[in-house]
Structures are given as structure tokens and as C-alpha cells.
N, C-alpha and C. Protein backbone atom coordinates (compact mmCIF):
# COMPACT_ATOMS: atom_id res chain seq x y z
N UNK A 1 -34.87 100.73 -91.11
CA UNK A 1 -36.57 100.71 -91.32
C UNK A 1 -36.83 100.05 -92.43
N UNK A 2 -38.03 99.38 -92.69
CA UNK A 2 -38.08 98.28 -93.45
C UNK A 2 -39.02 98.70 -94.72
N UNK A 3 -39.09 97.91 -95.85
CA UNK A 3 -39.98 98.57 -96.87
C UNK A 3 -41.06 97.54 -97.32
N UNK A 4 -42.18 98.25 -98.25
CA UNK A 4 -43.12 97.42 -98.30
C UNK A 4 -42.98 97.28 -100.00
N UNK A 5 -43.17 96.31 -100.70
CA UNK A 5 -43.31 95.54 -101.97
C UNK A 5 -44.56 96.76 -102.28
N UNK A 6 -44.42 96.84 -103.80
CA UNK A 6 -45.83 97.53 -104.11
C UNK A 6 -47.09 96.64 -103.98
N UNK A 7 -47.10 95.63 -104.32
CA UNK A 7 -48.26 94.50 -104.00
C UNK A 7 -48.71 94.38 -102.43
N UNK A 8 -47.29 94.70 -101.55
CA UNK A 8 -47.73 95.03 -100.41
C UNK A 8 -48.75 95.52 -100.07
N UNK A 9 -48.02 96.91 -100.49
CA UNK A 9 -48.76 98.21 -100.26
C UNK A 9 -49.97 98.47 -100.96
N UNK A 10 -50.47 98.15 -101.78
CA UNK A 10 -51.28 98.01 -102.37
C UNK A 10 -52.54 96.99 -101.29
N UNK A 11 -52.14 95.91 -101.03
CA UNK A 11 -52.93 95.13 -99.82
C UNK A 11 -53.39 95.60 -99.01
N UNK A 12 -52.04 96.31 -98.31
CA UNK A 12 -52.53 97.35 -97.09
C UNK A 12 -53.29 98.47 -97.26
N UNK A 13 -53.49 99.44 -98.63
CA UNK A 13 -54.33 100.02 -98.40
C UNK A 13 -55.74 99.71 -99.00
N UNK A 14 -55.75 98.30 -99.66
CA UNK A 14 -57.40 98.04 -99.52
C UNK A 14 -57.81 97.70 -98.12
N UNK A 15 -57.43 97.18 -97.42
CA UNK A 15 -57.41 96.66 -95.93
C UNK A 15 -57.56 97.96 -95.41
N UNK A 16 -57.15 99.03 -95.24
CA UNK A 16 -57.07 100.16 -94.48
C UNK A 16 -58.43 100.48 -95.01
N UNK A 17 -58.59 101.29 -96.08
CA UNK A 17 -59.96 101.10 -96.72
C UNK A 17 -61.10 100.88 -96.50
N UNK A 18 -60.81 99.23 -96.13
CA UNK A 18 -62.22 98.38 -95.75
C UNK A 18 -62.24 98.41 -94.58
N UNK A 19 -61.04 98.98 -93.24
CA UNK A 19 -61.32 99.12 -92.32
C UNK A 19 -61.85 100.68 -91.58
N UNK A 20 -61.99 101.18 -92.97
CA UNK A 20 -62.56 103.00 -92.30
C UNK A 20 -61.99 103.78 -91.10
N UNK A 21 -60.50 103.23 -91.38
CA UNK A 21 -60.00 104.13 -90.16
C UNK A 21 -58.51 104.76 -90.76
N UNK A 22 -58.56 105.72 -91.75
CA UNK A 22 -57.47 106.30 -92.21
C UNK A 22 -56.77 107.21 -91.27
N UNK A 23 -56.96 107.06 -89.73
CA UNK A 23 -55.94 107.61 -88.79
C UNK A 23 -54.88 106.64 -88.59
N UNK A 24 -55.51 105.21 -88.51
CA UNK A 24 -54.42 104.23 -87.98
C UNK A 24 -53.19 104.27 -89.21
N UNK A 25 -52.47 103.06 -88.18
CA UNK A 25 -51.13 103.14 -89.30
C UNK A 25 -50.89 101.83 -89.22
N UNK A 26 -50.14 101.16 -90.33
CA UNK A 26 -49.34 99.78 -90.28
C UNK A 26 -48.75 99.92 -89.28
N UNK A 27 -48.75 98.91 -88.24
CA UNK A 27 -47.64 98.31 -87.38
C UNK A 27 -47.31 97.13 -87.68
N UNK A 28 -45.92 96.88 -87.99
CA UNK A 28 -45.26 95.87 -88.06
C UNK A 28 -44.51 95.50 -86.61
N UNK A 29 -44.51 94.30 -86.14
CA UNK A 29 -43.83 93.83 -85.22
C UNK A 29 -43.27 92.28 -84.45
N UNK A 30 -42.64 92.26 -84.02
CA UNK A 30 -42.18 91.04 -83.85
C UNK A 30 -42.90 90.70 -82.00
N UNK A 31 -43.03 89.60 -82.03
CA UNK A 31 -43.42 89.14 -80.44
C UNK A 31 -43.11 87.65 -80.31
N UNK A 32 -43.12 87.41 -79.01
CA UNK A 32 -42.54 85.98 -78.45
C UNK A 32 -43.34 85.12 -78.78
N UNK A 33 -42.79 83.58 -79.46
CA UNK A 33 -44.01 82.93 -79.57
C UNK A 33 -43.59 82.34 -81.30
N UNK A 34 -44.46 81.00 -81.80
CA UNK A 34 -44.06 80.69 -83.04
C UNK A 34 -43.20 79.35 -83.23
N UNK A 35 -43.11 78.47 -83.71
CA UNK A 35 -41.89 77.26 -83.77
C UNK A 35 -40.94 77.93 -83.72
N UNK A 36 -40.25 78.97 -83.84
CA UNK A 36 -38.91 78.89 -83.89
C UNK A 36 -38.08 80.19 -82.87
N UNK A 37 -39.19 80.96 -81.96
CA UNK A 37 -38.90 81.65 -81.10
C UNK A 37 -39.79 83.01 -80.86
N UNK A 38 -39.65 83.83 -82.23
CA UNK A 38 -40.24 84.87 -82.54
C UNK A 38 -41.38 84.50 -83.65
N UNK A 39 -42.20 85.75 -83.78
CA UNK A 39 -43.14 85.54 -84.82
C UNK A 39 -43.28 87.05 -85.35
N UNK A 40 -43.83 86.97 -86.33
CA UNK A 40 -44.12 88.20 -86.82
C UNK A 40 -45.53 88.68 -86.71
N UNK A 41 -45.61 90.19 -86.87
CA UNK A 41 -47.07 90.50 -86.31
C UNK A 41 -47.66 91.71 -87.13
N UNK A 42 -48.53 91.97 -87.82
CA UNK A 42 -49.07 93.08 -88.14
C UNK A 42 -50.50 93.52 -87.71
N UNK A 43 -50.72 94.79 -87.70
CA UNK A 43 -51.97 95.01 -87.25
C UNK A 43 -52.21 96.76 -87.74
N UNK A 44 -53.32 97.22 -87.45
CA UNK A 44 -53.68 98.43 -87.99
C UNK A 44 -53.64 99.41 -86.40
N UNK A 45 -52.90 100.16 -86.19
CA UNK A 45 -53.06 100.92 -84.80
C UNK A 45 -52.29 102.25 -84.60
N UNK A 46 -52.91 102.90 -83.52
CA UNK A 46 -52.33 104.83 -83.62
C UNK A 46 -51.21 104.61 -83.23
N UNK A 47 -50.46 105.69 -83.49
CA UNK A 47 -48.90 105.61 -83.01
C UNK A 47 -48.79 106.17 -81.65
N UNK A 48 -47.25 105.63 -81.05
CA UNK A 48 -47.77 105.71 -79.64
C UNK A 48 -46.03 106.76 -79.73
N UNK A 49 -45.87 107.56 -78.61
CA UNK A 49 -45.04 108.25 -78.54
C UNK A 49 -43.73 108.10 -78.94
N UNK A 50 -43.31 106.61 -78.43
CA UNK A 50 -42.03 106.20 -78.89
C UNK A 50 -42.13 105.09 -79.97
N UNK A 51 -42.55 105.12 -80.45
CA UNK A 51 -42.94 104.83 -82.02
C UNK A 51 -41.85 105.53 -83.13
N UNK A 52 -41.17 104.60 -84.00
CA UNK A 52 -40.56 105.39 -85.04
C UNK A 52 -41.91 105.17 -86.22
N UNK A 53 -41.54 106.03 -86.76
CA UNK A 53 -42.74 106.55 -88.18
C UNK A 53 -41.87 106.71 -89.51
N UNK A 54 -42.46 105.83 -90.03
CA UNK A 54 -41.78 106.20 -91.92
C UNK A 54 -42.99 105.74 -92.64
N UNK A 55 -42.60 105.99 -93.68
CA UNK A 55 -43.84 105.81 -94.78
C UNK A 55 -42.75 104.84 -96.36
N UNK A 56 -43.44 103.75 -96.53
CA UNK A 56 -43.05 103.08 -97.64
C UNK A 56 -44.15 102.91 -98.69
N UNK A 57 -43.49 103.07 -100.10
CA UNK A 57 -44.70 102.77 -101.18
C UNK A 57 -45.85 103.78 -100.58
N UNK A 58 -45.92 105.06 -100.11
CA UNK A 58 -47.26 105.75 -99.94
C UNK A 58 -47.94 105.30 -98.17
N UNK A 59 -47.27 104.05 -97.80
CA UNK A 59 -48.08 103.59 -96.32
C UNK A 59 -47.48 103.92 -95.16
N UNK A 60 -48.19 104.26 -94.53
CA UNK A 60 -47.24 104.95 -93.13
C UNK A 60 -47.25 103.55 -92.17
N UNK A 61 -45.89 103.60 -92.01
CA UNK A 61 -45.61 102.51 -90.96
C UNK A 61 -45.49 102.76 -89.62
N UNK A 62 -45.55 102.23 -88.61
CA UNK A 62 -44.91 102.51 -87.26
C UNK A 62 -44.33 100.89 -87.09
N UNK A 63 -43.25 101.38 -85.84
CA UNK A 63 -42.60 100.46 -85.38
C UNK A 63 -42.54 100.29 -83.73
N UNK A 64 -42.15 99.83 -82.93
CA UNK A 64 -41.55 99.85 -81.44
C UNK A 64 -40.22 100.05 -81.51
N UNK A 65 -39.09 100.04 -80.81
CA UNK A 65 -37.73 99.81 -81.01
C UNK A 65 -37.40 98.45 -80.90
N UNK A 66 -38.09 97.46 -80.09
CA UNK A 66 -37.62 96.21 -80.09
C UNK A 66 -37.73 95.35 -81.59
N UNK A 67 -39.03 95.72 -82.11
CA UNK A 67 -39.32 95.24 -83.57
C UNK A 67 -38.55 95.90 -84.61
N UNK A 68 -38.19 96.97 -84.44
CA UNK A 68 -37.31 97.50 -85.36
C UNK A 68 -35.94 97.22 -85.64
N UNK A 69 -35.25 96.65 -84.27
CA UNK A 69 -34.06 96.36 -84.12
C UNK A 69 -33.77 94.70 -84.74
N UNK A 70 -35.08 93.92 -84.51
CA UNK A 70 -34.90 92.27 -85.36
C UNK A 70 -35.38 92.44 -86.88
N UNK A 71 -36.08 93.44 -87.28
CA UNK A 71 -36.75 93.92 -88.70
C UNK A 71 -35.89 94.87 -89.54
N UNK A 72 -35.21 95.42 -88.86
CA UNK A 72 -34.55 96.62 -90.17
C UNK A 72 -34.02 95.89 -91.12
N UNK A 73 -34.56 96.68 -92.44
CA UNK A 73 -33.54 96.17 -93.77
C UNK A 73 -34.46 95.04 -93.99
N UNK A 74 -35.82 94.81 -93.65
CA UNK A 74 -36.46 93.70 -94.09
C UNK A 74 -37.55 94.12 -95.02
N UNK A 75 -38.26 93.46 -95.68
CA UNK A 75 -38.98 93.83 -96.87
C UNK A 75 -40.44 92.98 -96.86
N UNK A 76 -41.32 93.57 -96.61
CA UNK A 76 -43.02 92.82 -96.55
C UNK A 76 -43.52 92.82 -97.85
N UNK A 77 -44.03 91.74 -98.21
CA UNK A 77 -44.36 91.62 -99.39
C UNK A 77 -46.00 90.51 -99.79
N UNK A 78 -46.36 90.60 -100.61
CA UNK A 78 -47.88 90.40 -100.67
C UNK A 78 -47.93 89.20 -101.82
N UNK A 79 -48.53 87.82 -101.74
CA UNK A 79 -48.36 86.95 -102.53
C UNK A 79 -50.10 86.69 -102.29
N UNK A 80 -50.75 86.90 -103.65
CA UNK A 80 -52.27 86.47 -103.76
C UNK A 80 -52.36 85.55 -105.06
N UNK A 81 -51.27 84.76 -105.61
CA UNK A 81 -51.19 83.59 -106.31
C UNK A 81 -52.07 82.33 -105.76
N UNK A 82 -52.26 81.19 -106.51
CA UNK A 82 -52.95 80.11 -106.43
C UNK A 82 -52.23 79.42 -105.03
N UNK A 83 -50.69 79.35 -104.84
CA UNK A 83 -50.16 78.98 -103.71
C UNK A 83 -49.82 80.46 -103.02
N UNK A 84 -50.54 81.15 -103.10
CA UNK A 84 -50.16 82.47 -101.99
C UNK A 84 -50.13 82.13 -100.42
N UNK A 85 -49.34 82.86 -100.01
CA UNK A 85 -49.32 83.03 -98.35
C UNK A 85 -49.59 84.28 -97.76
N UNK A 86 -49.98 85.04 -98.14
CA UNK A 86 -50.69 86.44 -98.12
C UNK A 86 -49.41 87.43 -97.95
N UNK A 87 -49.11 87.86 -96.64
CA UNK A 87 -48.24 88.49 -96.09
C UNK A 87 -46.69 87.69 -96.18
N UNK A 88 -45.55 87.78 -96.47
CA UNK A 88 -44.54 87.79 -96.36
C UNK A 88 -43.33 88.65 -96.02
N UNK A 89 -42.72 88.26 -94.73
CA UNK A 89 -41.71 89.34 -94.52
C UNK A 89 -39.97 88.37 -94.73
N UNK A 90 -39.27 89.19 -95.49
CA UNK A 90 -38.24 88.63 -96.12
C UNK A 90 -37.40 89.76 -95.15
N UNK A 91 -36.71 88.82 -93.91
CA UNK A 91 -35.89 89.23 -92.83
C UNK A 91 -34.63 89.09 -93.06
N UNK A 92 -33.29 89.76 -93.54
CA UNK A 92 -32.46 89.32 -93.89
C UNK A 92 -31.39 89.13 -92.20
N UNK A 93 -31.79 89.91 -90.86
CA UNK A 93 -31.67 89.38 -90.12
C UNK A 93 -31.94 88.09 -89.34
N UNK A 94 -32.75 87.58 -89.79
CA UNK A 94 -33.37 86.07 -89.12
C UNK A 94 -32.00 84.96 -89.47
N UNK A 95 -31.94 84.24 -88.62
CA UNK A 95 -30.72 83.28 -88.45
C UNK A 95 -31.57 81.86 -89.11
N UNK A 96 -32.42 81.65 -88.74
CA UNK A 96 -33.38 80.57 -89.34
C UNK A 96 -34.82 80.79 -88.98
N UNK A 97 -35.47 80.01 -89.95
CA UNK A 97 -36.97 80.50 -90.23
C UNK A 97 -37.43 78.96 -90.15
N UNK A 98 -38.89 79.18 -89.71
CA UNK A 98 -39.73 77.90 -90.12
C UNK A 98 -40.83 77.43 -91.00
N UNK A 99 -40.84 76.54 -91.21
CA UNK A 99 -41.65 76.24 -92.70
C UNK A 99 -43.28 77.17 -92.98
N UNK A 100 -43.58 77.59 -91.95
CA UNK A 100 -44.79 78.19 -92.21
C UNK A 100 -44.34 79.74 -92.37
N UNK A 101 -42.92 80.02 -92.20
CA UNK A 101 -42.73 81.79 -92.65
C UNK A 101 -43.07 83.05 -92.00
N UNK A 102 -43.96 82.42 -90.85
CA UNK A 102 -44.09 83.15 -89.68
C UNK A 102 -43.41 83.67 -88.67
N UNK A 103 -42.64 82.77 -88.60
CA UNK A 103 -41.81 82.87 -87.42
C UNK A 103 -40.34 82.57 -87.24
N UNK A 104 -39.21 82.90 -86.66
CA UNK A 104 -37.69 83.00 -86.74
C UNK A 104 -37.03 83.07 -85.89
N UNK A 105 -36.02 82.95 -85.73
CA UNK A 105 -35.13 82.72 -84.71
C UNK A 105 -33.56 83.99 -84.98
């Protein structure tokens, strides 16, 4: 599973309220691309039968099996300070990351 920091969970709830789609869940995923081979992604989506569903900090999260294999044990944080990057995934499974923080190998 992955966890959301309290700041990330608060931001997700704010975005979900603005979207006005309470039935949708936070989907965290990995896809090919980025400067290191894989890149992180997040969206609001409806669960599919094969998804793993769980909750972190009161936020419903869904993930496909392949993404969960790459991200298991990760934490999603949110930084909105002066040098804030937005959402950041701290992935203990990544062998290397690029400078943008959005892709890994």
C-alpha cells in the first residue's frame, strides 16, 4: 500500500470537492515515460474490478496491480511553499530518480 501525508490528503480532498465528483477515487499509477524510464501519475477515477482499494488519511485510493508493485511502501506528500513542487512521491523502491521528481527507474 501507499500512504498520504496529512498535507497531501487535505489537498486531494480540496481538489475532489472542486471536481464535485464524490464517487471518484484517487488513482495513483506508474506509466512508461519520463526521463528515467517510468513516471508517476495521479487522477480521479472510478474503481475497476481488478484495482486494489484502500484508504489513507481518510482518502479513498485505487491502484492497479502493476503500479502497486512499483509503489508499494511509498508516501505521497504535498508541498505548497515558496519552492513547492506540488505532489511528491517518496518511493523506497526507486533505484534512481531524475531532477524533476516525476520519474524514476
